[in-house]
């Protein structure tokens, strides 16, 4: 009788080990790493993104800021950013400066996630709260360009001035 209890106990312990190891596997799915865990991801998706060009400005003018207020485009851009892979640790990047963009993803007026996209070097995205930068893709840069295009206000002239030029023909 002792051996029957011992055998049942061994089977129970083995089953517990198997269940715990399977749950550990489900927590770290292939293709995901701890560096990509985004503590700043909000439960609700943003509905707008504020884009501020962050360049050295010798004139000390205010940096241009545009806001994309198209929720579907904003959410697609946001999800593309979150899907970017981490920058490989041993990756050598050229020492080329490029423009930087400060991105603030908003839901209503509430800022949810802040990030900096840097076109210089390897082209990286730094998401606030994350320890490792992400490597920007062509799709990311394309969506950023499209967001800036869609957000840039159309020029609305306030006045119209006509001038008369005298023409001389000889």
Protein backbone atom coordinates (compact mmCIF):
# COMPACT_ATOMS: atom_id res chain seq x y z
CA UNK A 1 0.00 0.00 0.00
CA UNK A 2 2.89 2.35 0.74
CA UNK A 3 4.22 1.85 -2.80
CA UNK A 4 0.85 2.75 -4.32
CA UNK A 5 0.79 6.08 -2.44
CA UNK A 6 4.41 6.71 -3.38
CA UNK A 7 3.67 6.03 -7.06
CA UNK A 8 0.63 8.35 -6.99
CA UNK A 9 2.72 11.02 -5.27
CA UNK A 10 5.47 10.78 -7.93
CA UNK A 11 2.89 11.04 -10.74
CA UNK A 12 1.29 14.06 -9.06
CA UNK A 13 4.66 15.83 -8.66
CA UNK A 14 5.60 15.10 -12.30
CA UNK A 15 2.23 16.46 -13.45
CA UNK A 16 2.75 19.65 -11.41
CA UNK A 17 6.22 20.13 -12.93
CA UNK A 18 4.84 19.62 -16.44
CA UNK A 19 2.01 22.12 -15.92
CA UNK A 20 4.36 24.77 -14.48
CA UNK A 21 6.86 24.36 -17.32
CA UNK A 22 4.08 24.65 -19.92
CA UNK A 23 2.81 27.86 -18.31
CA UNK A 24 6.33 29.27 -18.34
CA UNK A 25 6.53 28.54 -22.07
CA UNK A 26 3.30 30.38 -22.75
CA UNK A 27 4.65 33.48 -20.99
CA UNK A 28 7.62 33.72 -23.34
CA UNK A 29 6.31 33.03 -26.80
CA UNK A 30 8.84 32.62 -29.63
CA UNK A 31 9.72 35.90 -31.29
CA UNK A 32 9.20 37.92 -28.13
CA UNK A 33 11.88 39.04 -25.76
CA UNK A 34 11.83 40.73 -22.41
CA UNK A 35 13.38 43.84 -23.96
CA UNK A 36 10.31 44.31 -26.11
CA UNK A 37 7.89 44.29 -23.20
CA UNK A 38 6.21 47.67 -23.36
CA UNK A 39 5.24 48.89 -19.91
CA UNK A 40 3.91 52.11 -21.46
CA UNK A 41 1.30 50.42 -23.67
CA UNK A 42 -2.10 51.75 -22.75
CA UNK A 43 -5.24 49.62 -22.58
CA UNK A 44 -7.07 51.87 -25.03
CA UNK A 45 -5.51 52.76 -28.36
CA UNK A 46 -4.62 56.40 -29.02
CA UNK A 47 -6.79 58.49 -31.32
CA UNK A 48 -4.19 61.13 -32.27
CA UNK A 49 -0.45 61.65 -32.39
CA UNK A 50 1.45 64.89 -31.88
CA UNK A 51 4.66 65.06 -33.92
CA UNK A 52 7.32 67.60 -33.02
CA UNK A 53 10.41 68.01 -35.18
CA UNK A 54 13.35 68.07 -32.77
CA UNK A 55 16.30 69.58 -34.67
CA UNK A 56 19.00 71.99 -33.62
CA UNK A 57 17.55 75.38 -34.40
CA UNK A 58 20.07 78.26 -34.46
CA UNK A 59 17.29 80.85 -34.78
CA UNK A 60 15.65 79.55 -31.57
CA UNK A 61 12.24 79.38 -33.19
CA UNK A 62 9.66 77.03 -31.79
CA UNK A 63 9.97 73.55 -33.27
CA UNK A 64 7.22 72.75 -35.76
CA UNK A 65 4.42 70.65 -34.27
CA UNK A 66 1.64 68.89 -36.15
CA UNK A 67 -1.13 66.65 -34.87
CA UNK A 68 -2.63 63.75 -36.79
CA UNK A 69 -6.24 63.41 -35.68
CA UNK A 70 -7.25 60.41 -37.81
CA UNK A 71 -7.77 57.56 -35.31
CA UNK A 72 -7.31 54.69 -37.80
CA UNK A 73 -4.03 56.08 -39.15
CA UNK A 74 -2.82 56.94 -35.65
CA UNK A 75 -3.58 53.44 -34.35
CA UNK A 76 -1.91 51.76 -37.33
CA UNK A 77 1.20 53.92 -36.82
CA UNK A 78 1.16 53.17 -33.08
CA UNK A 79 0.92 49.42 -33.65
CA UNK A 80 3.68 49.53 -36.27
CA UNK A 81 5.90 51.28 -33.71
CA UNK A 82 5.16 48.69 -31.01
CA UNK A 83 5.95 45.85 -33.43
CA UNK A 84 9.47 47.15 -34.15
CA UNK A 85 12.26 44.77 -33.09
CA UNK A 86 14.90 45.75 -30.54
CA UNK A 87 18.18 47.10 -31.91
CA UNK A 88 20.66 44.19 -32.00
CA UNK A 89 23.31 44.64 -29.29
CA UNK A 90 26.34 44.35 -31.57
CA UNK A 91 24.93 46.43 -34.44
CA UNK A 92 27.34 49.06 -35.79
CA UNK A 93 25.58 52.26 -36.85
CA UNK A 94 26.99 55.08 -39.00
CA UNK A 95 27.71 58.35 -37.25
CA UNK A 96 25.27 60.31 -39.39
CA UNK A 97 23.02 62.90 -37.84
CA UNK A 98 19.43 63.08 -38.93
CA UNK A 99 16.20 64.69 -37.84
CA UNK A 100 14.52 63.51 -34.65
CA UNK A 101 10.81 63.46 -34.03
CA UNK A 102 9.15 63.58 -30.63
CA UNK A 103 5.96 61.52 -30.83
CA UNK A 104 3.20 61.84 -28.25
CA UNK A 105 0.33 59.42 -28.70
CA UNK A 106 -2.87 60.79 -27.17
CA UNK A 107 -6.31 59.52 -26.26
CA UNK A 108 -8.46 62.62 -26.13
CA UNK A 109 -6.19 65.13 -24.40
CA UNK A 110 -4.43 62.51 -22.26
CA UNK A 111 -0.86 61.57 -23.31
CA UNK A 112 -0.51 57.79 -23.33
CA UNK A 113 2.89 57.01 -24.85
CA UNK A 114 5.89 59.18 -25.70
CA UNK A 115 8.64 58.17 -28.09
CA UNK A 116 11.55 59.66 -30.01
CA UNK A 117 12.17 58.56 -33.61
CA UNK A 118 15.73 59.29 -34.75
CA UNK A 119 16.50 59.11 -38.50
CA UNK A 120 20.25 59.42 -37.84
CA UNK A 121 22.59 56.45 -37.44
CA UNK A 122 20.67 53.19 -37.74
CA UNK A 123 17.28 54.85 -37.43
CA UNK A 124 15.94 54.04 -33.99
CA UNK A 125 12.82 54.56 -31.91
CA UNK A 126 13.09 55.11 -28.16
CA UNK A 127 9.83 54.51 -26.31
CA UNK A 128 9.61 56.16 -22.89
CA UNK A 129 9.81 53.58 -20.12
CA UNK A 130 11.63 50.94 -22.19
CA UNK A 131 15.23 49.97 -21.56
CA UNK A 132 16.15 49.13 -25.15
CA UNK A 133 15.70 51.13 -28.35
CA UNK A 134 13.87 49.64 -31.31
CA UNK A 135 15.08 49.48 -34.90
CA UNK A 136 12.78 51.51 -37.16
CA UNK A 137 11.60 49.87 -40.37
CA UNK A 138 10.83 51.32 -43.78
CA UNK A 139 7.12 50.87 -42.99
CA UNK A 140 7.56 52.94 -39.81
CA UNK A 141 9.30 55.81 -41.65
CA UNK A 142 6.70 55.68 -44.45
CA UNK A 143 3.86 55.90 -41.92
CA UNK A 144 5.61 58.76 -40.09
CA UNK A 145 5.97 60.66 -43.39
CA UNK A 146 2.31 60.01 -44.22
CA UNK A 147 1.25 61.13 -40.73
CA UNK A 148 3.19 64.39 -41.13
CA UNK A 149 1.66 64.92 -44.59
CA UNK A 150 -1.88 64.25 -43.37
CA UNK A 151 -1.39 66.39 -40.25
CA UNK A 152 0.24 69.38 -41.86
CA UNK A 153 -2.38 72.10 -42.13
CA UNK A 154 -3.20 73.44 -45.57
CA UNK A 155 -2.09 77.03 -46.05
CA UNK A 156 -4.99 79.45 -45.63
CA UNK A 157 -4.09 82.93 -46.82
CA UNK A 158 -5.62 85.70 -44.74
CA UNK A 159 -5.23 88.46 -47.32
CA UNK A 160 -4.76 88.77 -51.05
CA UNK A 161 -2.58 91.49 -52.45
CA UNK A 162 -2.42 92.40 -56.14
CA UNK A 163 0.31 94.51 -57.56
CA UNK A 164 0.53 96.19 -60.93
CA UNK A 165 3.82 95.90 -62.75
CA UNK A 166 4.64 98.20 -65.59
CA UNK A 167 5.95 96.40 -68.62
CA UNK A 168 8.13 98.07 -71.17
CA UNK A 169 8.61 96.69 -74.61
CA UNK A 170 11.26 98.03 -76.83
